[in-house]
Amino acid sequence: MEIKSEKPVTWVEAKKIMEKKAKERELGYEQKAALDFLRKFTKLKEKEAKELEAELKKIEKLSEEERVKIINLLPATEDELNLILETELPEEDKKTILKLVKGFIK
């Protein structure tokens, strides 16, 4: 199989794709395991993930990969956030991210 492009996707997007594939055909073992994982650990609805992504895009120093990780993992503390980040962000940006995430945690 040839990879045509590569793009980080949120667990919400991956879950939607996998559920569509599951309706079309029988999933393999790894695909079933991935879908089970996504059903268990995806915490946001599609609309919420898109809203959070739009807010995170306003923080220019965040890469697309970092935004996706934040949406997937929803870090609640600065320590958790620091484990996700590949770049050093100002404290103000970190506080903004944590405040945004807190608004989406149920």
N, C-alpha and C. Protein backbone atom coordinates (compact mmCIF):
# COMPACT_ATOMS: atom_id res chain seq x y z
N MET A 1 0.84 -1.17 0.00
CA MET A 1 0.00 0.00 0.00
C MET A 1 0.89 1.24 0.00
N GLU A 2 0.57 2.18 -0.84
CA GLU A 2 1.35 3.40 -0.97
C GLU A 2 0.73 4.51 -0.12
N ILE A 3 1.57 5.22 0.61
CA ILE A 3 1.11 6.36 1.39
C ILE A 3 1.13 7.58 0.49
N LYS A 4 -0.03 8.18 0.30
CA LYS A 4 -0.13 9.33 -0.59
C LYS A 4 0.12 10.64 0.14
N SER A 5 -0.29 10.69 1.39
CA SER A 5 -0.04 11.89 2.19
C SER A 5 -0.11 11.51 3.67
N GLU A 6 0.43 12.37 4.48
CA GLU A 6 0.46 12.14 5.90
C GLU A 6 -0.01 13.40 6.61
N LYS A 7 -0.93 13.24 7.56
CA LYS A 7 -1.47 14.39 8.27
C LYS A 7 -1.91 13.91 9.65
N PRO A 8 -1.54 14.61 10.70
CA PRO A 8 -2.02 14.21 12.02
C PRO A 8 -3.53 14.44 12.13
N VAL A 9 -4.23 13.48 12.68
CA VAL A 9 -5.67 13.62 12.87
C VAL A 9 -6.01 13.40 14.34
N THR A 10 -7.07 14.05 14.76
CA THR A 10 -7.51 13.86 16.14
C THR A 10 -8.16 12.49 16.28
N TRP A 11 -8.28 12.06 17.52
CA TRP A 11 -8.95 10.79 17.76
C TRP A 11 -10.40 10.87 17.31
N VAL A 12 -11.00 12.05 17.41
CA VAL A 12 -12.38 12.23 16.96
C VAL A 12 -12.49 11.92 15.46
N GLU A 13 -11.56 12.47 14.69
CA GLU A 13 -11.55 12.23 13.24
C GLU A 13 -11.27 10.77 12.93
N ALA A 14 -10.30 10.20 13.63
CA ALA A 14 -9.94 8.79 13.40
C ALA A 14 -11.11 7.87 13.73
N LYS A 15 -11.81 8.17 14.82
CA LYS A 15 -12.97 7.37 15.21
C LYS A 15 -14.05 7.43 14.14
N LYS A 16 -14.30 8.61 13.62
CA LYS A 16 -15.31 8.79 12.56
C LYS A 16 -14.93 7.96 11.32
N ILE A 17 -13.67 8.02 10.93
CA ILE A 17 -13.18 7.26 9.77
C ILE A 17 -13.32 5.76 10.01
N MET A 18 -12.89 5.32 11.20
CA MET A 18 -12.94 3.88 11.50
C MET A 18 -14.37 3.37 11.58
N GLU A 19 -15.27 4.15 12.16
CA GLU A 19 -16.67 3.72 12.25
C GLU A 19 -17.30 3.63 10.86
N LYS A 20 -16.93 4.53 9.98
CA LYS A 20 -17.43 4.47 8.60
C LYS A 20 -16.93 3.20 7.92
N LYS A 21 -15.64 2.89 8.10
CA LYS A 21 -15.06 1.68 7.50
C LYS A 21 -15.72 0.42 8.08
N ALA A 22 -16.04 0.45 9.38
CA ALA A 22 -16.66 -0.71 10.03
C ALA A 22 -18.05 -0.98 9.44
N LYS A 23 -18.74 0.06 9.01
CA LYS A 23 -20.06 -0.12 8.38
C LYS A 23 -19.93 -0.69 6.97
N GLU A 24 -18.82 -0.36 6.31
CA GLU A 24 -18.61 -0.79 4.93
C GLU A 24 -18.12 -2.23 4.81
N ARG A 25 -17.30 -2.65 5.78
CA ARG A 25 -16.72 -3.99 5.69
C ARG A 25 -16.25 -4.46 7.06
N GLU A 26 -15.89 -5.72 7.13
CA GLU A 26 -15.36 -6.31 8.36
C GLU A 26 -13.97 -5.75 8.63
N LEU A 27 -13.74 -5.30 9.85
CA LEU A 27 -12.43 -4.77 10.22
C LEU A 27 -11.50 -5.90 10.63
N GLY A 28 -10.20 -5.71 10.38
CA GLY A 28 -9.20 -6.66 10.84
C GLY A 28 -8.97 -6.50 12.34
N TYR A 29 -8.18 -7.39 12.91
CA TYR A 29 -7.93 -7.38 14.35
C TYR A 29 -7.39 -6.04 14.83
N GLU A 30 -6.36 -5.53 14.16
CA GLU A 30 -5.74 -4.27 14.58
C GLU A 30 -6.71 -3.11 14.44
N GLN A 31 -7.51 -3.13 13.38
CA GLN A 31 -8.49 -2.07 13.18
C GLN A 31 -9.56 -2.11 14.26
N LYS A 32 -10.00 -3.30 14.63
CA LYS A 32 -10.99 -3.43 15.71
C LYS A 32 -10.41 -2.93 17.02
N ALA A 33 -9.16 -3.28 17.29
CA ALA A 33 -8.51 -2.83 18.52
C ALA A 33 -8.38 -1.31 18.53
N ALA A 34 -8.02 -0.74 17.38
CA ALA A 34 -7.90 0.72 17.28
C ALA A 34 -9.25 1.38 17.50
N LEU A 35 -10.30 0.84 16.91
CA LEU A 35 -11.63 1.41 17.08
C LEU A 35 -12.09 1.29 18.53
N ASP A 36 -11.83 0.16 19.16
CA ASP A 36 -12.17 0.00 20.58
C ASP A 36 -11.46 1.05 21.42
N PHE A 37 -10.17 1.25 21.15
CA PHE A 37 -9.39 2.27 21.86
C PHE A 37 -10.02 3.65 21.67
N LEU A 38 -10.33 3.99 20.43
CA LEU A 38 -10.89 5.31 20.12
C LEU A 38 -12.25 5.50 20.79
N ARG A 39 -13.07 4.49 20.80
CA ARG A 39 -14.38 4.58 21.47
C ARG A 39 -14.22 4.78 22.97
N LYS A 40 -13.21 4.16 23.53
CA LYS A 40 -13.00 4.24 24.97
C LYS A 40 -12.37 5.56 25.41
N PHE A 41 -11.43 6.08 24.62
CA PHE A 41 -10.64 7.22 25.08
C PHE A 41 -10.93 8.56 24.41
N THR A 42 -11.74 8.57 23.36
CA THR A 42 -12.10 9.84 22.73
C THR A 42 -13.11 10.54 23.62
N LYS A 43 -12.74 11.74 24.09
CA LYS A 43 -13.57 12.43 25.08
C LYS A 43 -14.43 13.54 24.49
N LEU A 44 -14.05 14.04 23.33
CA LEU A 44 -14.78 15.16 22.74
C LEU A 44 -15.66 14.71 21.59
N LYS A 45 -16.70 15.47 21.36
CA LYS A 45 -17.51 15.29 20.16
C LYS A 45 -16.83 16.06 19.02
N GLU A 46 -17.22 15.76 17.79
CA GLU A 46 -16.58 16.37 16.63
C GLU A 46 -16.64 17.90 16.68
N LYS A 47 -17.80 18.44 17.02
CA LYS A 47 -17.97 19.89 17.07
C LYS A 47 -17.04 20.51 18.12
N GLU A 48 -16.95 19.86 19.28
CA GLU A 48 -16.09 20.37 20.35
C GLU A 48 -14.62 20.35 19.93
N ALA A 49 -14.21 19.28 19.28
CA ALA A 49 -12.81 19.17 18.83
C ALA A 49 -12.48 20.28 17.84
N LYS A 50 -13.41 20.57 16.94
CA LYS A 50 -13.19 21.62 15.95
C LYS A 50 -13.13 23.00 16.61
N GLU A 51 -13.99 23.21 17.61
CA GLU A 51 -13.97 24.48 18.35
C GLU A 51 -12.64 24.66 19.08
N LEU A 52 -12.20 23.60 19.76
CA LEU A 52 -10.94 23.68 20.48
C LEU A 52 -9.78 23.89 19.52
N GLU A 53 -9.80 23.20 18.39
CA GLU A 53 -8.74 23.37 17.40
C GLU A 53 -8.69 24.81 16.89
N ALA A 54 -9.85 25.40 16.64
CA ALA A 54 -9.89 26.78 16.16
C ALA A 54 -9.28 27.73 17.19
N GLU A 55 -9.56 27.49 18.45
CA GLU A 55 -8.98 28.33 19.52
C GLU A 55 -7.48 28.12 19.63
N LEU A 56 -7.04 26.87 19.52
CA LEU A 56 -5.61 26.57 19.63
C LEU A 56 -4.82 27.13 18.45
N LYS A 57 -5.45 27.26 17.29
CA LYS A 57 -4.77 27.83 16.12
C LYS A 57 -4.37 29.28 16.35
N LYS A 58 -5.03 29.94 17.28
CA LYS A 58 -4.70 31.33 17.60
C LYS A 58 -3.35 31.45 18.30
N ILE A 59 -2.87 30.35 18.86
CA ILE A 59 -1.55 30.33 19.51
C ILE A 59 -0.56 29.91 18.42
N GLU A 60 0.08 30.89 17.83
CA GLU A 60 0.88 30.68 16.62
C GLU A 60 2.05 29.72 16.78
N LYS A 61 2.61 29.63 17.98
CA LYS A 61 3.79 28.78 18.16
C LYS A 61 3.46 27.30 18.23
N LEU A 62 2.18 26.95 18.34
CA LEU A 62 1.80 25.55 18.39
C LEU A 62 1.82 24.94 17.00
N SER A 63 2.46 23.79 16.88
CA SER A 63 2.44 23.08 15.59
C SER A 63 1.13 22.31 15.46
N GLU A 64 0.86 21.85 14.27
CA GLU A 64 -0.36 21.07 14.04
C GLU A 64 -0.33 19.79 14.89
N GLU A 65 0.83 19.16 14.98
CA GLU A 65 0.96 17.94 15.79
C GLU A 65 0.67 18.22 17.26
N GLU A 66 1.17 19.35 17.76
CA GLU A 66 0.93 19.70 19.16
C GLU A 66 -0.55 19.97 19.41
N ARG A 67 -1.20 20.66 18.47
CA ARG A 67 -2.64 20.93 18.61
C ARG A 67 -3.42 19.62 18.67
N VAL A 68 -3.08 18.69 17.80
CA VAL A 68 -3.77 17.40 17.77
C VAL A 68 -3.55 16.65 19.08
N LYS A 69 -2.34 16.65 19.58
CA LYS A 69 -2.05 15.97 20.85
C LYS A 69 -2.83 16.58 22.00
N ILE A 70 -2.92 17.91 22.02
CA ILE A 70 -3.67 18.59 23.07
C ILE A 70 -5.15 18.20 23.00
N ILE A 71 -5.71 18.18 21.80
CA ILE A 71 -7.11 17.81 21.62
C ILE A 71 -7.34 16.36 22.03
N ASN A 72 -6.42 15.48 21.70
CA ASN A 72 -6.56 14.06 22.04
C ASN A 72 -6.42 13.80 23.53
N LEU A 73 -5.44 14.41 24.15
CA LEU A 73 -5.09 14.07 25.53
C LEU A 73 -5.70 15.00 26.57
N LEU A 74 -6.14 16.18 26.17
CA LEU A 74 -6.76 17.16 27.06
C LEU A 74 -5.98 17.30 28.37
N PRO A 75 -4.77 17.82 28.31
CA PRO A 75 -3.96 17.95 29.53
C PRO A 75 -4.63 18.88 30.54
N ALA A 76 -4.63 18.47 31.81
CA ALA A 76 -5.28 19.25 32.86
C ALA A 76 -4.28 20.06 33.68
N THR A 77 -3.00 19.71 33.59
CA THR A 77 -1.99 20.41 34.39
C THR A 77 -0.86 20.88 33.48
N GLU A 78 -0.07 21.80 34.00
CA GLU A 78 1.07 22.30 33.22
C GLU A 78 2.08 21.18 32.98
N ASP A 79 2.26 20.30 33.95
CA ASP A 79 3.19 19.17 33.77
C ASP A 79 2.73 18.27 32.61
N GLU A 80 1.44 17.97 32.56
CA GLU A 80 0.91 17.15 31.46
C GLU A 80 1.10 17.87 30.13
N LEU A 81 0.85 19.16 30.11
CA LEU A 81 1.02 19.95 28.89
C LEU A 81 2.47 19.95 28.43
N ASN A 82 3.40 20.11 29.36
CA ASN A 82 4.83 20.13 29.01
C ASN A 82 5.28 18.81 28.38
N LEU A 83 4.67 17.71 28.78
CA LEU A 83 5.01 16.41 28.19
C LEU A 83 4.58 16.33 26.72
N ILE A 84 3.57 17.07 26.37
CA ILE A 84 3.03 17.07 25.00
C ILE A 84 3.82 18.00 24.09
N LEU A 85 4.21 19.13 24.61
CA LEU A 85 4.81 20.18 23.79
C LEU A 85 6.21 19.83 23.32
N GLU A 86 6.46 20.10 22.06
CA GLU A 86 7.79 19.89 21.48
C GLU A 86 8.58 21.19 21.51
N THR A 87 7.88 22.31 21.61
CA THR A 87 8.52 23.62 21.64
C THR A 87 8.25 24.28 22.98
N GLU A 88 9.11 25.18 23.36
CA GLU A 88 8.93 25.92 24.60
C GLU A 88 7.96 27.07 24.34
N LEU A 89 6.93 27.15 25.17
CA LEU A 89 5.95 28.23 25.04
C LEU A 89 6.03 29.16 26.24
N PRO A 90 5.68 30.42 26.05
CA PRO A 90 5.61 31.34 27.18
C PRO A 90 4.54 30.86 28.18
N GLU A 91 4.74 31.19 29.44
CA GLU A 91 3.80 30.77 30.49
C GLU A 91 2.38 31.23 30.18
N GLU A 92 2.26 32.41 29.61
CA GLU A 92 0.93 32.95 29.29
C GLU A 92 0.20 32.05 28.29
N ASP A 93 0.93 31.56 27.29
CA ASP A 93 0.32 30.66 26.31
C ASP A 93 -0.08 29.34 26.96
N LYS A 94 0.75 28.83 27.84
CA LYS A 94 0.43 27.58 28.54
C LYS A 94 -0.84 27.74 29.37
N LYS A 95 -0.94 28.86 30.07
CA LYS A 95 -2.14 29.11 30.88
C LYS A 95 -3.37 29.22 29.99
N THR A 96 -3.23 29.85 28.84
CA THR A 96 -4.34 29.97 27.90
C THR A 96 -4.79 28.60 27.42
N ILE A 97 -3.83 27.75 27.08
CA ILE A 97 -4.15 26.39 26.60
C ILE A 97 -4.89 25.62 27.69
N LEU A 98 -4.37 25.65 28.91
CA LEU A 98 -5.01 24.91 30.00
C LEU A 98 -6.41 25.43 30.28
N LYS A 99 -6.59 26.74 30.18
CA LYS A 99 -7.92 27.33 30.39
C LYS A 99 -8.88 26.87 29.29
N LEU A 100 -8.41 26.86 28.05
CA LEU A 100 -9.23 26.39 26.93
C LEU A 100 -9.63 24.93 27.13
N VAL A 101 -8.66 24.10 27.46
CA VAL A 101 -8.91 22.67 27.64
C VAL A 101 -9.91 22.45 28.77
N LYS A 102 -9.74 23.19 29.86
CA LYS A 102 -10.63 23.05 31.02
C LYS A 102 -12.08 23.29 30.62
N GLY A 103 -12.30 24.21 29.68
CA GLY A 103 -13.65 24.49 29.22
C GLY A 103 -14.29 23.33 28.46
N PHE A 104 -13.48 22.38 28.00
CA PHE A 104 -14.01 21.25 27.23
C PHE A 104 -14.03 19.95 28.02
N ILE A 105 -13.38 19.93 29.18
CA ILE A 105 -13.37 18.71 30.00
C ILE A 105 -14.69 18.59 30.74
N LYS A 106 -15.27 17.41 30.66
CA LYS A 106 -16.58 17.19 31.30
C LYS A 106 -16.42 16.53 32.64
